[in-house]
Amino acid sequence: MVKGIYHPPRTSETVQFFPHKTRSHIQTPDSNIITQTNSRGYISFVMTNSPELLYHIFLTVIDYHIDPSGAKRSIYVLGTNATLEAARNSAFRVLATLGYKPEDFVEYAIHSSSTEEWDHGDGVLVYAKAPAGQVFLISIQATPNDEKLLMDSNGGIFMPTGIPSLYYVMQTMIDYNKDRTGCVQETQIEGTFIHRADAYAAARKLLDPLDYADYDTPEKMAGEWPFGEEVVAHAVAETGQNIIVEVKTVAGAHHKHGKGM
């Protein structure tokens, strides 16, 4: 089990099948019964629940080959599950999905037991170090299911029709007091949203500008914003910590960090 994560009960149940030409899932008037179709065009009625928590799979890539301090890193949300079991199973398959094998790395470790000694961080399930020095960390974070997303029979989530990805409001704290290089970083998902507008509205309200010695947004620095298009705000605390708030979706990790890319 991942430290500090509660595993809610799983209650999905398939009721019956019959032929249907529709190939996208739709929601019925009963919010706890949805329909889904398989590749053969069969539609199933699935009784499901709305889990208390969602489990998000993170890929963190630390570019030691570019910056030996470890301050340069990229973080991606690869997907969301309704159960810890499903999230763990997905996390263990991430590097294979990116085209890697364990023998491609000079160091490769899997955290499969809560009783074994583990030196790669709470929540981290897979650690891999490439020959060039690049480190891959696969981890899981849990957040409340505020959007009341429904669970499918495999421990995944049903996305509303026409929504390709959730929007994740993320906060990264870089503590220069602990290390002046900026290698001490912590990223948390602060909210998960179905609609982009809701995610950006929440991200803009996440920090109170009055609490920080410096607080900047893309609007305040029009044409000079150095933090990227996903970043909504950058703040500096009186104590020196830097805070970055951004909105991300599930996209792009395999293009940037897949084997051979």
C-alpha atoms as a PDB file:
ATOM      1  CA  MET A   1       0.000   0.000   0.000  1.00  0.00           C
ATOM      2  CA  VAL A   2       1.124   3.554  -0.693  1.00  0.00           C
ATOM      3  CA  LYS A   3       1.697   5.468   2.530  1.00  0.00           C
ATOM      4  CA  GLY A   4      -1.195   7.697   3.558  1.00  0.00           C
ATOM      5  CA  ILE A   5      -3.614   6.567   0.836  1.00  0.00           C
ATOM      6  CA  TYR A   6      -7.021   5.127   1.663  1.00  0.00           C
ATOM      7  CA  HIS A   7      -8.401   2.425  -0.652  1.00  0.00           C
ATOM      8  CA  PRO A   8     -12.209   2.739  -1.065  1.00  0.00           C
ATOM      9  CA  PRO A   9     -14.332  -0.363  -1.742  1.00  0.00           C
ATOM     10  CA  ARG A  10     -14.973  -1.426  -5.340  1.00  0.00           C
ATOM     11  CA  THR A  11     -18.600  -2.232  -6.214  1.00  0.00           C
ATOM     12  CA  SER A  12     -18.899  -2.185 -10.020  1.00  0.00           C
ATOM     13  CA  GLU A  13     -21.099  -4.942 -11.473  1.00  0.00           C
ATOM     14  CA  THR A  14     -21.980  -5.781 -15.095  1.00  0.00           C
ATOM     15  CA  VAL A  15     -25.682  -6.614 -15.465  1.00  0.00           C
ATOM     16  CA  GLN A  16     -26.340  -7.671 -19.074  1.00  0.00           C
ATOM     17  CA  PHE A  17     -25.308  -7.348 -22.722  1.00  0.00           C
ATOM     18  CA  PHE A  18     -27.208  -6.901 -25.965  1.00  0.00           C
ATOM     19  CA  PRO A  19     -26.189  -5.811 -29.510  1.00  0.00           C
ATOM     20  CA  HIS A  20     -26.073  -2.095 -30.184  1.00  0.00           C
ATOM     21  CA  LYS A  21     -24.362   0.016 -32.851  1.00  0.00           C
ATOM     22  CA  THR A  22     -23.395   2.841 -30.545  1.00  0.00           C
ATOM     23  CA  ARG A  23     -19.656   2.813 -29.815  1.00  0.00           C
ATOM     24  CA  SER A  24     -19.402   5.538 -27.163  1.00  0.00           C
ATOM     25  CA  HIS A  25     -20.568   5.356 -23.584  1.00  0.00           C
ATOM     26  CA  ILE A  26     -23.498   7.498 -22.491  1.00  0.00           C
ATOM     27  CA  GLN A  27     -25.027   8.215 -19.130  1.00  0.00           C
ATOM     28  CA  THR A  28     -28.598   7.189 -18.344  1.00  0.00           C
ATOM     29  CA  PRO A  29     -31.025   9.237 -16.227  1.00  0.00           C
ATOM     30  CA  ASP A  30     -29.980   7.131 -13.232  1.00  0.00           C
ATOM     31  CA  SER A  31     -26.618   8.615 -12.240  1.00  0.00           C
ATOM     32  CA  ASN A  32     -25.406   5.255 -10.905  1.00  0.00           C
ATOM     33  CA  ILE A  33     -26.124   3.267 -14.074  1.00  0.00           C
ATOM     34  CA  ILE A  34     -24.136   3.963 -17.226  1.00  0.00           C
ATOM     35  CA  THR A  35     -23.852   2.229 -20.575  1.00  0.00           C
ATOM     36  CA  GLN A  36     -20.662   1.369 -22.430  1.00  0.00           C
ATOM     37  CA  THR A  37     -19.846  -0.486 -25.644  1.00  0.00           C
ATOM     38  CA  ASN A  38     -17.016  -2.770 -26.651  1.00  0.00           C
ATOM     39  CA  SER A  39     -15.277  -3.045 -30.031  1.00  0.00           C
ATOM     40  CA  ARG A  40     -17.936  -5.482 -31.334  1.00  0.00           C
ATOM     41  CA  GLY A  41     -20.732  -3.015 -30.762  1.00  0.00           C
ATOM     42  CA  TYR A  42     -22.189  -4.707 -27.700  1.00  0.00           C
ATOM     43  CA  ILE A  43     -23.585  -2.374 -25.106  1.00  0.00           C
ATOM     44  CA  SER A  44     -23.551  -3.162 -21.401  1.00  0.00           C
ATOM     45  CA  PHE A  45     -25.390  -1.654 -18.481  1.00  0.00           C
ATOM     46  CA  VAL A  46     -22.945  -1.197 -15.620  1.00  0.00           C
ATOM     47  CA  MET A  47     -23.884  -0.498 -12.033  1.00  0.00           C
ATOM     48  CA  THR A  48     -21.152   1.625 -10.508  1.00  0.00           C
ATOM     49  CA  ASN A  49     -20.393   4.019  -7.713  1.00  0.00           C
ATOM     50  CA  SER A  50     -18.640   7.331  -7.298  1.00  0.00           C
ATOM     51  CA  PRO A  51     -15.465   6.684  -5.279  1.00  0.00           C
ATOM     52  CA  GLU A  52     -14.398   8.964  -2.476  1.00  0.00           C
ATOM     53  CA  LEU A  53     -10.879   9.328  -3.861  1.00  0.00           C
ATOM     54  CA  LEU A  54      -9.135   9.392  -7.228  1.00  0.00           C
ATOM     55  CA  TYR A  55      -5.628   8.018  -7.764  1.00  0.00           C
ATOM     56  CA  HIS A  56      -3.369   9.837 -10.218  1.00  0.00           C
ATOM     57  CA  ILE A  57      -0.263   8.385 -11.872  1.00  0.00           C
ATOM     58  CA  PHE A  58       2.738  10.731 -12.075  1.00  0.00           C
ATOM     59  CA  LEU A  59       5.822  10.529 -14.240  1.00  0.00           C
ATOM     60  CA  THR A  60       8.679  12.695 -12.987  1.00  0.00           C
ATOM     61  CA  VAL A  61      11.748  12.972 -15.211  1.00  0.00           C
ATOM     62  CA  ILE A  62      14.840  14.472 -13.562  1.00  0.00           C
ATOM     63  CA  ASP A  63      17.421  15.631 -16.084  1.00  0.00           C
ATOM     64  CA  TYR A  64      20.677  15.044 -14.207  1.00  0.00           C
ATOM     65  CA  HIS A  65      22.492  14.869 -17.536  1.00  0.00           C
ATOM     66  CA  ILE A  66      21.571  18.530 -18.117  1.00  0.00           C
ATOM     67  CA  ASP A  67      21.720  19.839 -14.533  1.00  0.00           C
ATOM     68  CA  PRO A  68      23.620  17.634 -12.045  1.00  0.00           C
ATOM     69  CA  SER A  69      21.802  19.265  -9.110  1.00  0.00           C
ATOM     70  CA  GLY A  70      18.493  17.652 -10.099  1.00  0.00           C
ATOM     71  CA  ALA A  71      16.683  20.989 -10.198  1.00  0.00           C
ATOM     72  CA  LYS A  72      15.622  20.543 -13.820  1.00  0.00           C
ATOM     73  CA  ARG A  73      12.680  18.161 -13.973  1.00  0.00           C
ATOM     74  CA  SER A  74       9.459  17.566 -15.873  1.00  0.00           C
ATOM     75  CA  ILE A  75       6.245  16.237 -14.339  1.00  0.00           C
ATOM     76  CA  TYR A  76       3.392  14.582 -16.227  1.00  0.00           C
ATOM     77  CA  VAL A  77       0.035  13.209 -15.127  1.00  0.00           C
ATOM     78  CA  LEU A  78      -0.394   9.985 -17.090  1.00  0.00           C
ATOM     79  CA  GLY A  79      -3.869   8.989 -15.981  1.00  0.00           C
ATOM     80  CA  THR A  80      -6.413   8.659 -13.200  1.00  0.00           C
ATOM     81  CA  ASN A  81      -8.000   5.597 -11.613  1.00  0.00           C
ATOM     82  CA  ALA A  82     -10.799   5.014  -9.156  1.00  0.00           C
ATOM     83  CA  THR A  83      -8.972   2.371  -7.115  1.00  0.00           C
ATOM     84  CA  LEU A  84      -5.464   2.137  -5.741  1.00  0.00           C
ATOM     85  CA  GLU A  85      -5.089  -1.370  -7.166  1.00  0.00           C
ATOM     86  CA  ALA A  86      -5.817  -0.181 -10.715  1.00  0.00           C
ATOM     87  CA  ALA A  87      -3.486   2.798 -10.317  1.00  0.00           C
ATOM     88  CA  ARG A  88      -0.654   0.580  -9.066  1.00  0.00           C
ATOM     89  CA  ASN A  89      -1.104  -1.830 -11.966  1.00  0.00           C
ATOM     90  CA  SER A  90      -0.982   1.077 -14.422  1.00  0.00           C
ATOM     91  CA  ALA A  91       2.053   2.609 -12.716  1.00  0.00           C
ATOM     92  CA  PHE A  92       4.056  -0.600 -13.034  1.00  0.00           C
ATOM     93  CA  ARG A  93       3.376  -0.608 -16.820  1.00  0.00           C
ATOM     94  CA  VAL A  94       4.369   3.008 -17.527  1.00  0.00           C
ATOM     95  CA  LEU A  95       7.956   2.449 -18.635  1.00  0.00           C
ATOM     96  CA  ALA A  96       6.941  -0.476 -20.842  1.00  0.00           C
ATOM     97  CA  THR A  97       4.325   1.769 -22.445  1.00  0.00           C
ATOM     98  CA  LEU A  98       7.082   4.292 -23.158  1.00  0.00           C
ATOM     99  CA  GLY A  99       9.018   1.544 -24.924  1.00  0.00           C
ATOM    100  CA  TYR A 100      11.565   0.740 -22.203  1.00  0.00           C
ATOM    101  CA  LYS A 101      12.720  -2.543 -20.697  1.00  0.00           C
ATOM    102  CA  PRO A 102      14.385  -2.926 -17.275  1.00  0.00           C
ATOM    103  CA  GLU A 103      17.699  -3.738 -18.968  1.00  0.00           C
ATOM    104  CA  ASP A 104      17.677  -0.287 -20.620  1.00  0.00           C
ATOM    105  CA  PHE A 105      18.553   1.238 -17.226  1.00  0.00           C
ATOM    106  CA  VAL A 106      21.674   1.141 -15.068  1.00  0.00           C
ATOM    107  CA  GLU A 107      19.415   1.189 -12.000  1.00  0.00           C
ATOM    108  CA  TYR A 108      15.859  -0.151 -11.872  1.00  0.00           C
ATOM    109  CA  ALA A 109      13.735  -0.703  -8.754  1.00  0.00           C
ATOM    110  CA  ILE A 110      10.075  -1.478  -8.059  1.00  0.00           C
ATOM    111  CA  HIS A 111       8.396  -0.792  -4.714  1.00  0.00           C
ATOM    112  CA  SER A 112       6.103  -3.795  -4.570  1.00  0.00           C
ATOM    113  CA  SER A 113       5.912  -4.276  -0.798  1.00  0.00           C
ATOM    114  CA  SER A 114       5.185  -1.866   2.052  1.00  0.00           C
ATOM    115  CA  THR A 115       7.572  -3.787   4.317  1.00  0.00           C
ATOM    116  CA  GLU A 116      10.730  -3.514   2.215  1.00  0.00           C
ATOM    117  CA  GLU A 117      13.254  -0.710   2.630  1.00  0.00           C
ATOM    118  CA  TRP A 118      12.744   2.021   0.033  1.00  0.00           C
ATOM    119  CA  ASP A 119      14.954   5.054  -0.564  1.00  0.00           C
ATOM    120  CA  HIS A 120      13.230   6.725  -3.505  1.00  0.00           C
ATOM    121  CA  GLY A 121      10.435   8.714  -1.837  1.00  0.00           C
ATOM    122  CA  ASP A 122       6.927   8.232  -0.448  1.00  0.00           C
ATOM    123  CA  GLY A 123       4.409   7.314  -3.116  1.00  0.00           C
ATOM    124  CA  VAL A 124       7.103   6.352  -5.652  1.00  0.00           C
ATOM    125  CA  LEU A 125       6.524   2.873  -7.072  1.00  0.00           C
ATOM    126  CA  VAL A 126       9.146   2.709  -9.832  1.00  0.00           C
ATOM    127  CA  TYR A 127      12.645   4.194  -9.958  1.00  0.00           C
ATOM    128  CA  ALA A 128      14.795   3.944 -13.076  1.00  0.00           C
ATOM    129  CA  LYS A 129      18.079   5.613 -14.017  1.00  0.00           C
ATOM    130  CA  ALA A 130      19.179   5.783 -17.645  1.00  0.00           C
ATOM    131  CA  PRO A 131      22.854   5.455 -18.661  1.00  0.00           C
ATOM    132  CA  ALA A 132      23.026   9.181 -19.478  1.00  0.00           C
ATOM    133  CA  GLY A 133      21.881  10.047 -15.942  1.00  0.00           C
ATOM    134  CA  GLN A 134      18.217  10.804 -16.585  1.00  0.00           C
ATOM    135  CA  VAL A 135      15.991   9.489 -13.756  1.00  0.00           C
ATOM    136  CA  PHE A 136      12.379   8.331 -14.138  1.00  0.00           C
ATOM    137  CA  LEU A 137      10.094   8.237 -11.090  1.00  0.00           C
ATOM    138  CA  ILE A 138       6.601   6.739 -11.291  1.00  0.00           C
ATOM    139  CA  SER A 139       4.375   7.675  -8.363  1.00  0.00           C
ATOM    140  CA  ILE A 140       0.756   7.897  -7.243  1.00  0.00           C
ATOM    141  CA  GLN A 141      -1.138  10.739  -5.592  1.00  0.00           C
ATOM    142  CA  ALA A 142      -4.678  10.660  -4.215  1.00  0.00           C
ATOM    143  CA  THR A 143      -7.205  13.517  -4.253  1.00  0.00           C
ATOM    144  CA  PRO A 144     -10.906  13.815  -3.370  1.00  0.00           C
ATOM    145  CA  ASN A 145     -13.310  12.957  -6.182  1.00  0.00           C
ATOM    146  CA  ASP A 146     -14.964  16.386  -6.137  1.00  0.00           C
ATOM    147  CA  GLU A 147     -16.409  15.985  -9.641  1.00  0.00           C
ATOM    148  CA  LYS A 148     -18.183  12.761  -8.558  1.00  0.00           C
ATOM    149  CA  LEU A 149     -16.702  10.791 -11.454  1.00  0.00           C
ATOM    150  CA  LEU A 150     -18.005   7.239 -11.750  1.00  0.00           C
ATOM    151  CA  MET A 151     -15.895   4.094 -11.546  1.00  0.00           C
ATOM    152  CA  ASP A 152     -15.835   1.503 -14.316  1.00  0.00           C
ATOM    153  CA  SER A 153     -15.577  -2.256 -13.841  1.00  0.00           C
ATOM    154  CA  ASN A 154     -11.773  -2.211 -14.205  1.00  0.00           C
ATOM    155  CA  GLY A 155     -11.135   0.402 -11.533  1.00  0.00           C
ATOM    156  CA  GLY A 156     -10.845   3.223 -14.049  1.00  0.00           C
ATOM    157  CA  ILE A 157     -13.121   6.233 -14.417  1.00  0.00           C
ATOM    158  CA  PHE A 158     -15.813   7.067 -16.941  1.00  0.00           C
ATOM    159  CA  MET A 159     -15.129  10.333 -18.757  1.00  0.00           C
ATOM    160  CA  PRO A 160     -18.115  12.426 -19.872  1.00  0.00           C
ATOM    161  CA  THR A 161     -18.789  12.258 -23.607  1.00  0.00           C
ATOM    162  CA  GLY A 162     -16.551  14.641 -25.549  1.00  0.00           C
ATOM    163  CA  ILE A 163     -14.035  15.140 -22.714  1.00  0.00           C
ATOM    164  CA  PRO A 164     -10.657  13.599 -23.691  1.00  0.00           C
ATOM    165  CA  SER A 165      -8.814  14.407 -20.462  1.00  0.00           C
ATOM    166  CA  LEU A 166      -9.280  15.759 -16.985  1.00  0.00           C
ATOM    167  CA  TYR A 167      -7.678  19.079 -16.070  1.00  0.00           C
ATOM    168  CA  TYR A 168      -5.297  18.976 -13.122  1.00  0.00           C
ATOM    169  CA  VAL A 169      -4.478  22.014 -10.977  1.00  0.00           C
ATOM    170  CA  MET A 170      -0.953  21.445  -9.684  1.00  0.00           C
ATOM    171  CA  GLN A 171       1.210  23.311  -7.207  1.00  0.00           C
ATOM    172  CA  THR A 172       4.986  22.939  -7.077  1.00  0.00           C
ATOM    173  CA  MET A 173       6.992  24.274  -4.144  1.00  0.00           C
ATOM    174  CA  ILE A 174      10.729  24.805  -4.658  1.00  0.00           C
ATOM    175  CA  ASP A 175      12.511  25.293  -1.344  1.00  0.00           C
ATOM    176  CA  TYR A 176      15.695  27.276  -1.883  1.00  0.00           C
ATOM    177  CA  ASN A 177      16.232  27.440   1.884  1.00  0.00           C
ATOM    178  CA  LYS A 178      16.946  23.713   2.002  1.00  0.00           C
ATOM    179  CA  ASP A 179      19.107  23.739  -1.125  1.00  0.00           C
ATOM    180  CA  ARG A 180      20.109  26.797  -3.146  1.00  0.00           C
ATOM    181  CA  THR A 181      20.199  24.785  -6.363  1.00  0.00           C
ATOM    182  CA  GLY A 182      16.414  24.307  -6.312  1.00  0.00           C
ATOM    183  CA  CYS A 183      16.592  20.520  -6.255  1.00  0.00           C
ATOM    184  CA  VAL A 184      14.244  20.280  -3.239  1.00  0.00           C
ATOM    185  CA  GLN A 185      10.844  20.281  -4.927  1.00  0.00           C
ATOM    186  CA  GLU A 186       7.397  18.954  -4.101  1.00  0.00           C
ATOM    187  CA  THR A 187       4.417  18.830  -6.459  1.00  0.00           C
ATOM    188  CA  GLN A 188       0.834  18.250  -5.354  1.00  0.00           C
ATOM    189  CA  ILE A 189      -2.424  17.995  -7.273  1.00  0.00           C
ATOM    190  CA  GLU A 190      -4.715  20.587  -5.700  1.00  0.00           C
ATOM    191  CA  GLY A 191      -7.797  19.883  -7.796  1.00  0.00           C
ATOM    192  CA  THR A 192      -9.149  17.751 -10.634  1.00  0.00           C
ATOM    193  CA  PHE A 193     -11.735  19.139 -13.049  1.00  0.00           C
ATOM    194  CA  ILE A 194     -13.765  18.028 -16.045  1.00  0.00           C
ATOM    195  CA  HIS A 195     -13.879  21.464 -17.677  1.00  0.00           C
ATOM    196  CA  ARG A 196     -10.925  23.682 -18.568  1.00  0.00           C
ATOM    197  CA  ALA A 197     -12.631  26.891 -17.443  1.00  0.00           C
ATOM    198  CA  ASP A 198     -13.292  25.469 -13.976  1.00  0.00           C
ATOM    199  CA  ALA A 199      -9.686  24.338 -13.628  1.00  0.00           C
ATOM    200  CA  TYR A 200      -8.256  27.718 -14.569  1.00  0.00           C
ATOM    201  CA  ALA A 201     -10.694  29.546 -12.298  1.00  0.00           C
ATOM    202  CA  ALA A 202      -9.622  27.348  -9.374  1.00  0.00           C
ATOM    203  CA  ALA A 203      -5.927  27.722 -10.218  1.00  0.00           C
ATOM    204  CA  ARG A 204      -6.143  31.515 -10.214  1.00  0.00           C
ATOM    205  CA  LYS A 205      -7.736  31.446  -6.751  1.00  0.00           C
ATOM    206  CA  LEU A 206      -5.368  28.902  -5.234  1.00  0.00           C
ATOM    207  CA  LEU A 207      -2.901  31.458  -3.849  1.00  0.00           C
ATOM    208  CA  ASP A 208      -3.620  34.759  -2.104  1.00  0.00           C
ATOM    209  CA  PRO A 209      -1.250  37.389  -3.566  1.00  0.00           C
ATOM    210  CA  LEU A 210      -1.162  39.187  -0.208  1.00  0.00           C
ATOM    211  CA  ASP A 211       0.538  36.173   1.375  1.00  0.00           C
ATOM    212  CA  TYR A 212       3.639  36.480  -0.815  1.00  0.00           C
ATOM    213  CA  ALA A 213       6.523  38.894  -1.218  1.00  0.00           C
ATOM    214  CA  ASP A 214       6.196  38.574  -4.979  1.00  0.00           C
ATOM    215  CA  TYR A 215       3.259  37.302  -7.032  1.00  0.00           C
ATOM    216  CA  ASP A 216       3.180  37.267 -10.834  1.00  0.00           C
ATOM    217  CA  THR A 217       0.756  36.073 -13.502  1.00  0.00           C
ATOM    218  CA  PRO A 218       0.905  35.944 -17.314  1.00  0.00           C
ATOM    219  CA  GLU A 219      -1.450  38.938 -17.415  1.00  0.00           C
ATOM    220  CA  LYS A 220       0.903  41.056 -15.279  1.00  0.00           C
ATOM    221  CA  MET A 221       3.908  40.124 -17.418  1.00  0.00           C
ATOM    222  CA  ALA A 222       2.353  40.239 -20.874  1.00  0.00           C
ATOM    223  CA  GLY A 223       4.866  39.148 -23.487  1.00  0.00           C
ATOM    224  CA  GLU A 224       7.566  38.477 -20.870  1.00  0.00           C
ATOM    225  CA  TRP A 225       6.188  35.419 -19.062  1.00  0.00           C
ATOM    226  CA  PRO A 226       9.107  32.979 -18.576  1.00  0.00           C
ATOM    227  CA  PHE A 227       7.293  30.024 -17.006  1.00  0.00           C
ATOM    228  CA  GLY A 228       5.403  28.419 -19.904  1.00  0.00           C
ATOM    229  CA  GLU A 229       1.810  28.457 -21.091  1.00  0.00           C
ATOM    230  CA  GLU A 230       0.551  25.937 -18.516  1.00  0.00           C
ATOM    231  CA  VAL A 231       1.654  28.084 -15.557  1.00  0.00           C
ATOM    232  CA  VAL A 232      -1.048  30.339 -14.102  1.00  0.00           C
ATOM    233  CA  ALA A 233       0.905  31.974 -11.266  1.00  0.00           C
ATOM    234  CA  HIS A 234       4.386  32.219  -9.764  1.00  0.00           C
ATOM    235  CA  ALA A 235       4.885  33.394  -6.191  1.00  0.00           C
ATOM    236  CA  VAL A 236       7.824  33.929  -3.845  1.00  0.00           C
ATOM    237  CA  ALA A 237       7.298  33.651  -0.093  1.00  0.00           C
ATOM    238  CA  GLU A 238       9.046  35.829   2.497  1.00  0.00           C
ATOM    239  CA  THR A 239      10.949  32.716   3.546  1.00  0.00           C
ATOM    240  CA  GLY A 240      12.290  32.163   0.024  1.00  0.00           C
ATOM    241  CA  GLN A 241      10.125  29.306  -1.227  1.00  0.00           C
ATOM    242  CA  ASN A 242       8.998  29.593  -4.847  1.00  0.00           C
ATOM    243  CA  ILE A 243       5.476  28.427  -5.687  1.00  0.00           C
ATOM    244  CA  ILE A 244       4.326  27.545  -9.206  1.00  0.00           C
ATOM    245  CA  VAL A 245       0.648  26.925 -10.012  1.00  0.00           C
ATOM    246  CA  GLU A 246      -0.208  25.311 -13.330  1.00  0.00           C
ATOM    247  CA  VAL A 247      -2.952  23.435 -15.161  1.00  0.00           C
ATOM    248  CA  LYS A 248      -2.061  20.198 -16.923  1.00  0.00           C
ATOM    249  CA  THR A 249      -3.827  17.508 -18.941  1.00  0.00           C
ATOM    250  CA  VAL A 250      -2.880  13.932 -19.805  1.00  0.00           C
ATOM    251  CA  ALA A 251      -0.852  14.422 -22.974  1.00  0.00           C
ATOM    252  CA  GLY A 252       2.597  14.351 -24.480  1.00  0.00           C
ATOM    253  CA  ALA A 253       4.773  12.291 -22.135  1.00  0.00           C
ATOM    254  CA  HIS A 254       5.337   9.441 -24.613  1.00  0.00           C
ATOM    255  CA  HIS A 255       6.317  11.912 -27.350  1.00  0.00           C
ATOM    256  CA  LYS A 256       8.929  13.631 -25.166  1.00  0.00           C
ATOM    257  CA  HIS A 257      10.286  10.764 -23.110  1.00  0.00           C
ATOM    258  CA  GLY A 258       9.496   7.571 -24.995  1.00  0.00           C
ATOM    259  CA  LYS A 259      12.455   5.383 -25.945  1.00  0.00           C
ATOM    260  CA  GLY A 260      14.218   6.767 -28.996  1.00  0.00           C
ATOM    261  CA  MET A 261      12.644  10.218 -28.675  1.00  0.00           C
END
